[in-house]
Amino acid sequence: MNLQLLQTRLGYTFQDAGLLQQALTHRSHSSLHNERLEFLGDSILNCVVASILYERYIDIDEGDLSRLRANLVKQQSLYEIAQKLELSNFLRLGEGELKSGGFRRPSILADTLEALLGAIFLDGGFEPARAAIRSFYIPILDTVDPQTLGKDAKTLLQEFLQGKKISLPLYNVIATHGAAHSQEFEIECLVPKLGIQVFGRGGSRRAGEQAAAKLALAAAEQAAQKAPAAARKSKPRAAQLKLAGIATVQSSDAPSPPAKAANK
């Protein structure tokens, strides 16, 4: 286990190698594990990410800053950072966790990353921990849209349609599949003004609606990009999107008939 390689990736060299070992130790391995360090690292992470967002987005209000922070520090985001660090190569797991693939488990990797931040704080103070967190998140923030990060597909679709002064989408349960304990919902999403009809599936009604909304948003954005400015004032051509295992798009490429001249 080349811990120097990990320290290079973190941008920090530990004075106390024991703290680094503890941060990498899961409770299944020994009694001296990383859960307390994880608790500490979580608080530091939230503080630093909040500070970064506050400095970077001066025109964004408190509610949207909270949304951004929640998305950036959630388990999936930490897991993706841990993967870039190849953190699974450095974990200290018990035999049971090793056999069950614990080194791939998002929760373990995310918790270990937080523990490492707590260990850096104890070993070197706040500034080294802050520097490590900034090195993780500044590249991410350079590639995301703060207006959409963390918003679900239904919210994004609603905001898109409202921006175009188009009525909100309609969601209908078309069918349910499977046994009662493992049902799958098929949901229809309609945007009548754009002629969009999509079908999404999910393990709950909400999940099905989100799947359908994602397809509808893609179709609406595509229509907005293709339509010339003048044509947007007229009734859009009909377009149908249907999801049957794999989403497919069906649209009419025939030109719209010319408008009749008004009789004077």
C-alpha atoms as a PDB file:
ATOM      1  CA  MET A   1       0.000   0.000   0.000  1.00  0.00           C
ATOM      2  CA  ASN A   2       1.738   3.160  -1.235  1.00  0.00           C
ATOM      3  CA  LEU A   3       0.487   5.818   1.177  1.00  0.00           C
ATOM      4  CA  GLN A   4       2.887   8.390  -0.260  1.00  0.00           C
ATOM      5  CA  LEU A   5       0.991   8.181  -3.539  1.00  0.00           C
ATOM      6  CA  LEU A   6      -2.275   8.924  -1.735  1.00  0.00           C
ATOM      7  CA  GLN A   7      -0.711  11.854   0.112  1.00  0.00           C
ATOM      8  CA  THR A   8       0.523  13.265  -3.198  1.00  0.00           C
ATOM      9  CA  ARG A   9      -3.008  13.071  -4.569  1.00  0.00           C
ATOM     10  CA  LEU A  10      -4.361  14.758  -1.454  1.00  0.00           C
ATOM     11  CA  GLY A  11      -1.718  17.472  -1.687  1.00  0.00           C
ATOM     12  CA  TYR A  12      -0.772  16.914   1.935  1.00  0.00           C
ATOM     13  CA  THR A  13       1.921  14.911   3.741  1.00  0.00           C
ATOM     14  CA  PHE A  14       1.032  13.719   7.230  1.00  0.00           C
ATOM     15  CA  GLN A  15       3.350  14.342  10.159  1.00  0.00           C
ATOM     16  CA  ASP A  16       1.497  11.670  12.142  1.00  0.00           C
ATOM     17  CA  ALA A  17       1.271   8.572   9.951  1.00  0.00           C
ATOM     18  CA  GLY A  18      -1.015   6.986  12.542  1.00  0.00           C
ATOM     19  CA  LEU A  19      -3.749   9.524  11.789  1.00  0.00           C
ATOM     20  CA  LEU A  20      -3.611   8.639   8.107  1.00  0.00           C
ATOM     21  CA  GLN A  21      -3.825   4.917   8.920  1.00  0.00           C
ATOM     22  CA  GLN A  22      -6.796   5.518  11.201  1.00  0.00           C
ATOM     23  CA  ALA A  23      -8.607   7.600   8.571  1.00  0.00           C
ATOM     24  CA  LEU A  24      -8.331   4.683   6.144  1.00  0.00           C
ATOM     25  CA  THR A  25      -9.531   2.088   8.668  1.00  0.00           C
ATOM     26  CA  HIS A  26     -13.110   0.846   8.543  1.00  0.00           C
ATOM     27  CA  ARG A  27     -14.766  -0.316  11.751  1.00  0.00           C
ATOM     28  CA  SER A  28     -14.773  -3.884  10.408  1.00  0.00           C
ATOM     29  CA  HIS A  29     -10.964  -3.891  10.523  1.00  0.00           C
ATOM     30  CA  SER A  30     -10.198  -2.873  14.109  1.00  0.00           C
ATOM     31  CA  SER A  31     -11.435  -0.947  17.128  1.00  0.00           C
ATOM     32  CA  LEU A  32      -9.321   2.089  16.185  1.00  0.00           C
ATOM     33  CA  HIS A  33     -11.383   3.091  13.154  1.00  0.00           C
ATOM     34  CA  ASN A  34     -12.302   6.252  11.278  1.00  0.00           C
ATOM     35  CA  GLU A  35     -15.865   7.071  12.381  1.00  0.00           C
ATOM     36  CA  ARG A  36     -14.922   9.913  14.752  1.00  0.00           C
ATOM     37  CA  LEU A  37     -12.620  11.376  12.116  1.00  0.00           C
ATOM     38  CA  GLU A  38     -15.486  11.128   9.632  1.00  0.00           C
ATOM     39  CA  PHE A  39     -17.700  13.166  11.977  1.00  0.00           C
ATOM     40  CA  LEU A  40     -15.040  15.873  12.193  1.00  0.00           C
ATOM     41  CA  GLY A  41     -14.314  15.862   8.471  1.00  0.00           C
ATOM     42  CA  ASP A  42     -17.987  16.197   7.595  1.00  0.00           C
ATOM     43  CA  SER A  43     -18.222  19.465   9.548  1.00  0.00           C
ATOM     44  CA  ILE A  44     -15.058  20.878   7.986  1.00  0.00           C
ATOM     45  CA  LEU A  45     -16.224  19.874   4.518  1.00  0.00           C
ATOM     46  CA  ASN A  46     -19.553  21.655   4.919  1.00  0.00           C
ATOM     47  CA  CYS A  47     -17.844  24.778   6.258  1.00  0.00           C
ATOM     48  CA  VAL A  48     -15.304  25.011   3.436  1.00  0.00           C
ATOM     49  CA  VAL A  49     -17.756  24.224   0.644  1.00  0.00           C
ATOM     50  CA  ALA A  50     -20.138  26.863   2.035  1.00  0.00           C
ATOM     51  CA  SER A  51     -17.266  29.369   2.045  1.00  0.00           C
ATOM     52  CA  ILE A  52     -16.314  28.534  -1.552  1.00  0.00           C
ATOM     53  CA  LEU A  53     -19.890  28.978  -2.737  1.00  0.00           C
ATOM     54  CA  TYR A  54     -20.325  32.222  -0.797  1.00  0.00           C
ATOM     55  CA  GLU A  55     -17.210  33.711  -2.399  1.00  0.00           C
ATOM     56  CA  ARG A  56     -17.821  32.376  -5.890  1.00  0.00           C
ATOM     57  CA  TYR A  57     -21.521  33.100  -6.419  1.00  0.00           C
ATOM     58  CA  ILE A  58     -22.162  36.594  -5.086  1.00  0.00           C
ATOM     59  CA  ASP A  59     -25.562  36.915  -6.765  1.00  0.00           C
ATOM     60  CA  ILE A  60     -27.072  33.617  -5.554  1.00  0.00           C
ATOM     61  CA  ASP A  61     -29.426  33.704  -2.569  1.00  0.00           C
ATOM     62  CA  GLU A  62     -29.306  31.571   0.574  1.00  0.00           C
ATOM     63  CA  GLY A  63     -31.786  28.976  -0.650  1.00  0.00           C
ATOM     64  CA  ASP A  64     -29.852  28.220  -3.826  1.00  0.00           C
ATOM     65  CA  LEU A  65     -26.532  28.235  -1.962  1.00  0.00           C
ATOM     66  CA  SER A  66     -27.959  25.591   0.385  1.00  0.00           C
ATOM     67  CA  ARG A  67     -29.108  23.525  -2.601  1.00  0.00           C
ATOM     68  CA  LEU A  68     -25.669  23.713  -4.183  1.00  0.00           C
ATOM     69  CA  ARG A  69     -23.878  22.767  -0.982  1.00  0.00           C
ATOM     70  CA  ALA A  70     -26.203  19.816  -0.323  1.00  0.00           C
ATOM     71  CA  ASN A  71     -25.542  18.482  -3.806  1.00  0.00           C
ATOM     72  CA  LEU A  72     -21.776  18.906  -3.558  1.00  0.00           C
ATOM     73  CA  VAL A  73     -21.372  17.175  -0.182  1.00  0.00           C
ATOM     74  CA  LYS A  74     -23.838  14.324  -0.708  1.00  0.00           C
ATOM     75  CA  GLN A  75     -22.615  10.738  -0.736  1.00  0.00           C
ATOM     76  CA  GLN A  76     -22.563  10.377  -4.527  1.00  0.00           C
ATOM     77  CA  SER A  77     -20.415  13.491  -4.978  1.00  0.00           C
ATOM     78  CA  LEU A  78     -17.938  12.338  -2.325  1.00  0.00           C
ATOM     79  CA  TYR A  79     -17.885   8.870  -3.875  1.00  0.00           C
ATOM     80  CA  GLU A  80     -16.940  10.333  -7.263  1.00  0.00           C
ATOM     81  CA  ILE A  81     -14.083  12.322  -5.685  1.00  0.00           C
ATOM     82  CA  ALA A  82     -12.925   9.179  -3.857  1.00  0.00           C
ATOM     83  CA  GLN A  83     -12.891   7.286  -7.143  1.00  0.00           C
ATOM     84  CA  LYS A  84     -10.656   9.931  -8.728  1.00  0.00           C
ATOM     85  CA  LEU A  85      -8.269   9.500  -5.803  1.00  0.00           C
ATOM     86  CA  GLU A  86      -8.514   5.701  -6.280  1.00  0.00           C
ATOM     87  CA  LEU A  87      -9.229   5.558  -2.576  1.00  0.00           C
ATOM     88  CA  SER A  88     -10.401   1.941  -2.717  1.00  0.00           C
ATOM     89  CA  ASN A  89      -6.740   0.897  -3.132  1.00  0.00           C
ATOM     90  CA  PHE A  90      -5.881   2.285   0.304  1.00  0.00           C
ATOM     91  CA  LEU A  91      -8.809   1.144   2.483  1.00  0.00           C
ATOM     92  CA  ARG A  92      -8.231  -1.040   5.525  1.00  0.00           C
ATOM     93  CA  LEU A  93     -11.248  -3.357   5.721  1.00  0.00           C
ATOM     94  CA  GLY A  94     -12.131  -6.429   7.722  1.00  0.00           C
ATOM     95  CA  GLU A  95     -12.237  -9.803   6.005  1.00  0.00           C
ATOM     96  CA  GLY A  96     -16.023  -9.789   5.720  1.00  0.00           C
ATOM     97  CA  GLU A  97     -16.125  -6.376   4.045  1.00  0.00           C
ATOM     98  CA  LEU A  98     -13.337  -7.369   1.689  1.00  0.00           C
ATOM     99  CA  LYS A  99     -15.242 -10.468   0.570  1.00  0.00           C
ATOM    100  CA  SER A 100     -18.489  -8.529   0.108  1.00  0.00           C
ATOM    101  CA  GLY A 101     -16.823  -5.849  -2.019  1.00  0.00           C
ATOM    102  CA  GLY A 102     -16.758  -3.110   0.609  1.00  0.00           C
ATOM    103  CA  PHE A 103     -13.891  -1.388  -1.195  1.00  0.00           C
ATOM    104  CA  ARG A 104     -16.395  -0.518  -3.951  1.00  0.00           C
ATOM    105  CA  ARG A 105     -19.231   0.582  -1.674  1.00  0.00           C
ATOM    106  CA  PRO A 106     -20.084   4.294  -2.130  1.00  0.00           C
ATOM    107  CA  SER A 107     -20.933   4.806   1.552  1.00  0.00           C
ATOM    108  CA  ILE A 108     -17.573   3.436   2.733  1.00  0.00           C
ATOM    109  CA  LEU A 109     -15.584   5.460   0.208  1.00  0.00           C
ATOM    110  CA  ALA A 110     -17.494   8.664   0.962  1.00  0.00           C
ATOM    111  CA  ASP A 111     -17.072   8.200   4.710  1.00  0.00           C
ATOM    112  CA  THR A 112     -13.356   7.525   4.308  1.00  0.00           C
ATOM    113  CA  LEU A 113     -12.879  10.714   2.308  1.00  0.00           C
ATOM    114  CA  GLU A 114     -14.499  12.702   5.120  1.00  0.00           C
ATOM    115  CA  ALA A 115     -12.305  10.906   7.649  1.00  0.00           C
ATOM    116  CA  LEU A 116      -9.207  11.890   5.668  1.00  0.00           C
ATOM    117  CA  LEU A 117     -10.272  15.527   5.815  1.00  0.00           C
ATOM    118  CA  GLY A 118     -10.732  15.242   9.579  1.00  0.00           C
ATOM    119  CA  ALA A 119      -7.294  13.665   9.877  1.00  0.00           C
ATOM    120  CA  ILE A 120      -5.665  16.431   7.817  1.00  0.00           C
ATOM    121  CA  PHE A 121      -7.327  19.006  10.099  1.00  0.00           C
ATOM    122  CA  LEU A 122      -5.988  17.332  13.255  1.00  0.00           C
ATOM    123  CA  ASP A 123      -2.540  16.814  11.769  1.00  0.00           C
ATOM    124  CA  GLY A 124      -1.958  20.189  10.128  1.00  0.00           C
ATOM    125  CA  GLY A 125      -4.803  22.533  10.989  1.00  0.00           C
ATOM    126  CA  PHE A 126      -7.616  24.178   9.089  1.00  0.00           C
ATOM    127  CA  GLU A 127      -5.668  25.621   6.148  1.00  0.00           C
ATOM    128  CA  PRO A 128      -4.320  22.295   4.806  1.00  0.00           C
ATOM    129  CA  ALA A 129      -7.809  20.772   5.087  1.00  0.00           C
ATOM    130  CA  ARG A 130      -9.264  23.799   3.294  1.00  0.00           C
ATOM    131  CA  ALA A 131      -6.645  23.534   0.545  1.00  0.00           C
ATOM    132  CA  ALA A 132      -7.438  19.851  -0.025  1.00  0.00           C
ATOM    133  CA  ILE A 133     -11.168  20.511  -0.247  1.00  0.00           C
ATOM    134  CA  ARG A 134     -10.656  23.396  -2.664  1.00  0.00           C
ATOM    135  CA  SER A 135      -8.514  21.175  -4.876  1.00  0.00           C
ATOM    136  CA  PHE A 136     -11.406  18.706  -5.069  1.00  0.00           C
ATOM    137  CA  TYR A 137     -14.208  21.170  -5.713  1.00  0.00           C
ATOM    138  CA  ILE A 138     -12.874  24.100  -7.751  1.00  0.00           C
ATOM    139  CA  PRO A 139     -12.474  21.899 -10.891  1.00  0.00           C
ATOM    140  CA  ILE A 140     -16.010  20.588 -10.361  1.00  0.00           C
ATOM    141  CA  LEU A 141     -17.493  24.067 -10.001  1.00  0.00           C
ATOM    142  CA  ASP A 142     -15.682  25.184 -13.158  1.00  0.00           C
ATOM    143  CA  THR A 143     -17.769  22.681 -15.151  1.00  0.00           C
ATOM    144  CA  VAL A 144     -21.264  22.933 -13.630  1.00  0.00           C
ATOM    145  CA  ASP A 145     -24.183  25.330 -13.954  1.00  0.00           C
ATOM    146  CA  PRO A 146     -25.112  26.642 -10.491  1.00  0.00           C
ATOM    147  CA  GLN A 147     -28.643  27.341 -11.678  1.00  0.00           C
ATOM    148  CA  THR A 148     -29.358  23.679 -12.385  1.00  0.00           C
ATOM    149  CA  LEU A 149     -26.982  21.700 -10.141  1.00  0.00           C
ATOM    150  CA  GLY A 150     -28.939  19.578  -7.710  1.00  0.00           C
ATOM    151  CA  LYS A 151     -32.358  20.240  -9.229  1.00  0.00           C
ATOM    152  CA  ASP A 152     -34.394  17.216 -10.264  1.00  0.00           C
ATOM    153  CA  ALA A 153     -35.793  16.699 -13.751  1.00  0.00           C
ATOM    154  CA  LYS A 154     -39.351  17.748 -12.845  1.00  0.00           C
ATOM    155  CA  THR A 155     -38.137  21.047 -11.421  1.00  0.00           C
ATOM    156  CA  LEU A 156     -35.906  21.741 -14.429  1.00  0.00           C
ATOM    157  CA  LEU A 157     -38.734  20.953 -16.857  1.00  0.00           C
ATOM    158  CA  GLN A 158     -41.131  23.210 -14.973  1.00  0.00           C
ATOM    159  CA  GLU A 159     -38.643  26.092 -14.938  1.00  0.00           C
ATOM    160  CA  PHE A 160     -37.883  25.641 -18.629  1.00  0.00           C
ATOM    161  CA  LEU A 161     -41.554  25.727 -19.601  1.00  0.00           C
ATOM    162  CA  GLN A 162     -42.297  28.689 -17.349  1.00  0.00           C
ATOM    163  CA  GLY A 163     -39.424  30.566 -18.983  1.00  0.00           C
ATOM    164  CA  LYS A 164     -41.071  29.964 -22.373  1.00  0.00           C
ATOM    165  CA  LYS A 165     -44.529  30.877 -20.996  1.00  0.00           C
ATOM    166  CA  ILE A 166     -45.757  27.352 -21.707  1.00  0.00           C
ATOM    167  CA  SER A 167     -48.281  25.570 -19.479  1.00  0.00           C
ATOM    168  CA  LEU A 168     -46.910  23.086 -16.958  1.00  0.00           C
ATOM    169  CA  PRO A 169     -46.639  19.402 -17.954  1.00  0.00           C
ATOM    170  CA  LEU A 170     -49.275  16.828 -17.168  1.00  0.00           C
ATOM    171  CA  TYR A 171     -48.374  13.500 -15.525  1.00  0.00           C
ATOM    172  CA  ASN A 172     -50.592  10.409 -15.720  1.00  0.00           C
ATOM    173  CA  VAL A 173     -50.151   6.875 -14.442  1.00  0.00           C
ATOM    174  CA  ILE A 174     -50.541   4.673 -17.509  1.00  0.00           C
ATOM    175  CA  ALA A 175     -49.892   1.275 -15.951  1.00  0.00           C
ATOM    176  CA  THR A 176     -48.278  -0.578 -13.075  1.00  0.00           C
ATOM    177  CA  HIS A 177     -46.211  -3.695 -13.605  1.00  0.00           C
ATOM    178  CA  GLY A 178     -45.037  -6.460 -11.308  1.00  0.00           C
ATOM    179  CA  ALA A 179     -46.074  -7.775  -7.899  1.00  0.00           C
ATOM    180  CA  ALA A 180     -47.320  -5.465  -5.153  1.00  0.00           C
ATOM    181  CA  HIS A 181     -44.000  -5.521  -3.272  1.00  0.00           C
ATOM    182  CA  SER A 182     -41.937  -4.686  -6.375  1.00  0.00           C
ATOM    183  CA  GLN A 183     -44.176  -2.614  -8.611  1.00  0.00           C
ATOM    184  CA  GLU A 184     -42.920  -0.553 -11.515  1.00  0.00           C
ATOM    185  CA  PHE A 185     -44.925   2.497 -12.524  1.00  0.00           C
ATOM    186  CA  GLU A 186     -45.292   3.641 -16.117  1.00  0.00           C
ATOM    187  CA  ILE A 187     -45.908   7.392 -16.214  1.00  0.00           C
ATOM    188  CA  GLU A 188     -46.978   9.564 -19.132  1.00  0.00           C
ATOM    189  CA  CYS A 189     -45.747  13.165 -19.317  1.00  0.00           C
ATOM    190  CA  LEU A 190     -47.489  15.535 -21.712  1.00  0.00           C
ATOM    191  CA  VAL A 191     -46.562  19.019 -22.858  1.00  0.00           C
ATOM    192  CA  PRO A 192     -49.532  19.713 -25.160  1.00  0.00           C
ATOM    193  CA  LYS A 193     -48.321  23.015 -26.595  1.00  0.00           C
ATOM    194  CA  LEU A 194     -45.108  21.386 -27.826  1.00  0.00           C
ATOM    195  CA  GLY A 195     -46.846  18.180 -28.864  1.00  0.00           C
ATOM    196  CA  ILE A 196     -44.585  16.180 -26.535  1.00  0.00           C
ATOM    197  CA  GLN A 197     -45.648  12.827 -25.123  1.00  0.00           C
ATOM    198  CA  VAL A 198     -43.157  10.706 -23.198  1.00  0.00           C
ATOM    199  CA  PHE A 199     -43.306   7.631 -21.016  1.00  0.00           C
ATOM    200  CA  GLY A 200     -41.049   6.968 -18.048  1.00  0.00           C
ATOM    201  CA  ARG A 201     -40.760   4.026 -15.699  1.00  0.00           C
ATOM    202  CA  GLY A 202     -39.668   3.786 -12.091  1.00  0.00           C
ATOM    203  CA  GLY A 203     -40.039   1.831  -8.879  1.00  0.00           C
ATOM    204  CA  SER A 204     -42.394   4.492  -7.534  1.00  0.00           C
ATOM    205  CA  ARG A 205     -44.742   7.028  -9.051  1.00  0.00           C
ATOM    206  CA  ARG A 206     -42.261   9.784  -8.276  1.00  0.00           C
ATOM    207  CA  ALA A 207     -39.387   7.899  -9.904  1.00  0.00           C
ATOM    208  CA  GLY A 208     -41.502   7.288 -13.000  1.00  0.00           C
ATOM    209  CA  GLU A 209     -42.409  10.975 -13.194  1.00  0.00           C
ATOM    210  CA  GLN A 210     -38.754  11.939 -12.909  1.00  0.00           C
ATOM    211  CA  ALA A 211     -37.817   9.555 -15.721  1.00  0.00           C
ATOM    212  CA  ALA A 212     -40.553  10.951 -17.946  1.00  0.00           C
ATOM    213  CA  ALA A 213     -39.672  14.554 -17.079  1.00  0.00           C
ATOM    214  CA  LYS A 214     -36.057  13.948 -18.076  1.00  0.00           C
ATOM    215  CA  LEU A 215     -37.153  12.798 -21.528  1.00  0.00           C
ATOM    216  CA  ALA A 216     -39.625  15.651 -21.885  1.00  0.00           C
ATOM    217  CA  LEU A 217     -36.985  18.228 -20.951  1.00  0.00           C
ATOM    218  CA  ALA A 218     -34.575  16.846 -23.548  1.00  0.00           C
ATOM    219  CA  ALA A 219     -37.302  17.026 -26.202  1.00  0.00           C
ATOM    220  CA  ALA A 220     -38.322  20.554 -25.230  1.00  0.00           C
ATOM    221  CA  GLU A 221     -34.721  21.793 -25.303  1.00  0.00           C
ATOM    222  CA  GLN A 222     -34.174  20.143 -28.668  1.00  0.00           C
ATOM    223  CA  ALA A 223     -37.282  21.784 -30.073  1.00  0.00           C
ATOM    224  CA  ALA A 224     -36.190  25.186 -28.781  1.00  0.00           C
ATOM    225  CA  GLN A 225     -32.778  24.846 -30.415  1.00  0.00           C
ATOM    226  CA  LYS A 226     -34.126  23.791 -33.804  1.00  0.00           C
ATOM    227  CA  ALA A 227     -37.035  26.193 -34.147  1.00  0.00           C
ATOM    228  CA  PRO A 228     -36.148  29.584 -35.702  1.00  0.00           C
ATOM    229  CA  ALA A 229     -37.174  32.609 -33.693  1.00  0.00           C
ATOM    230  CA  ALA A 230     -40.046  33.478 -35.998  1.00  0.00           C
ATOM    231  CA  ALA A 231     -41.458  29.964 -35.959  1.00  0.00           C
ATOM    232  CA  ARG A 232     -41.628  29.914 -32.172  1.00  0.00           C
ATOM    233  CA  LYS A 233     -44.584  32.284 -32.302  1.00  0.00           C
ATOM    234  CA  SER A 234     -46.621  29.815 -34.329  1.00  0.00           C
ATOM    235  CA  LYS A 235     -47.931  26.457 -33.208  1.00  0.00           C
ATOM    236  CA  PRO A 236     -45.030  23.968 -33.012  1.00  0.00           C
ATOM    237  CA  ARG A 237     -45.064  20.793 -35.055  1.00  0.00           C
ATOM    238  CA  ALA A 238     -46.208  17.651 -33.304  1.00  0.00           C
ATOM    239  CA  ALA A 239     -43.477  15.533 -31.790  1.00  0.00           C
ATOM    240  CA  GLN A 240     -43.802  12.252 -29.971  1.00  0.00           C
ATOM    241  CA  LEU A 241     -41.332  10.628 -27.660  1.00  0.00           C
ATOM    242  CA  LYS A 242     -42.044   7.141 -26.428  1.00  0.00           C
ATOM    243  CA  LEU A 243     -40.154   5.081 -23.920  1.00  0.00           C
ATOM    244  CA  ALA A 244     -40.366   1.316 -24.246  1.00  0.00           C
ATOM    245  CA  GLY A 245     -37.277   0.001 -22.544  1.00  0.00           C
ATOM    246  CA  ILE A 246     -35.143   2.408 -24.616  1.00  0.00           C
ATOM    247  CA  ALA A 247     -36.338   5.929 -25.349  1.00  0.00           C
ATOM    248  CA  THR A 248     -36.953   6.740 -29.006  1.00  0.00           C
ATOM    249  CA  VAL A 249     -37.910   9.999 -30.649  1.00  0.00           C
ATOM    250  CA  GLN A 250     -40.426  10.219 -33.447  1.00  0.00           C
ATOM    251  CA  SER A 251     -41.104  13.555 -35.077  1.00  0.00           C
ATOM    252  CA  SER A 252     -42.559  14.807 -38.316  1.00  0.00           C
ATOM    253  CA  ASP A 253     -39.976  16.356 -40.612  1.00  0.00           C
ATOM    254  CA  ALA A 254     -42.577  17.577 -43.046  1.00  0.00           C
ATOM    255  CA  PRO A 255     -42.689  21.382 -43.294  1.00  0.00           C
ATOM    256  CA  SER A 256     -45.661  23.162 -41.788  1.00  0.00           C
ATOM    257  CA  PRO A 257     -48.191  24.427 -44.354  1.00  0.00           C
ATOM    258  CA  PRO A 258     -47.885  28.161 -45.084  1.00  0.00           C
ATOM    259  CA  ALA A 259     -50.282  30.412 -43.244  1.00  0.00           C
ATOM    260  CA  LYS A 260     -53.244  31.625 -45.270  1.00  0.00           C
ATOM    261  CA  ALA A 261     -53.381  35.292 -45.998  1.00  0.00           C
ATOM    262  CA  ALA A 262     -56.148  37.079 -44.154  1.00  0.00           C
ATOM    263  CA  ASN A 263     -59.037  38.364 -46.283  1.00  0.00           C
ATOM    264  CA  LYS A 264     -59.265  42.102 -46.374  1.00  0.00           C
END
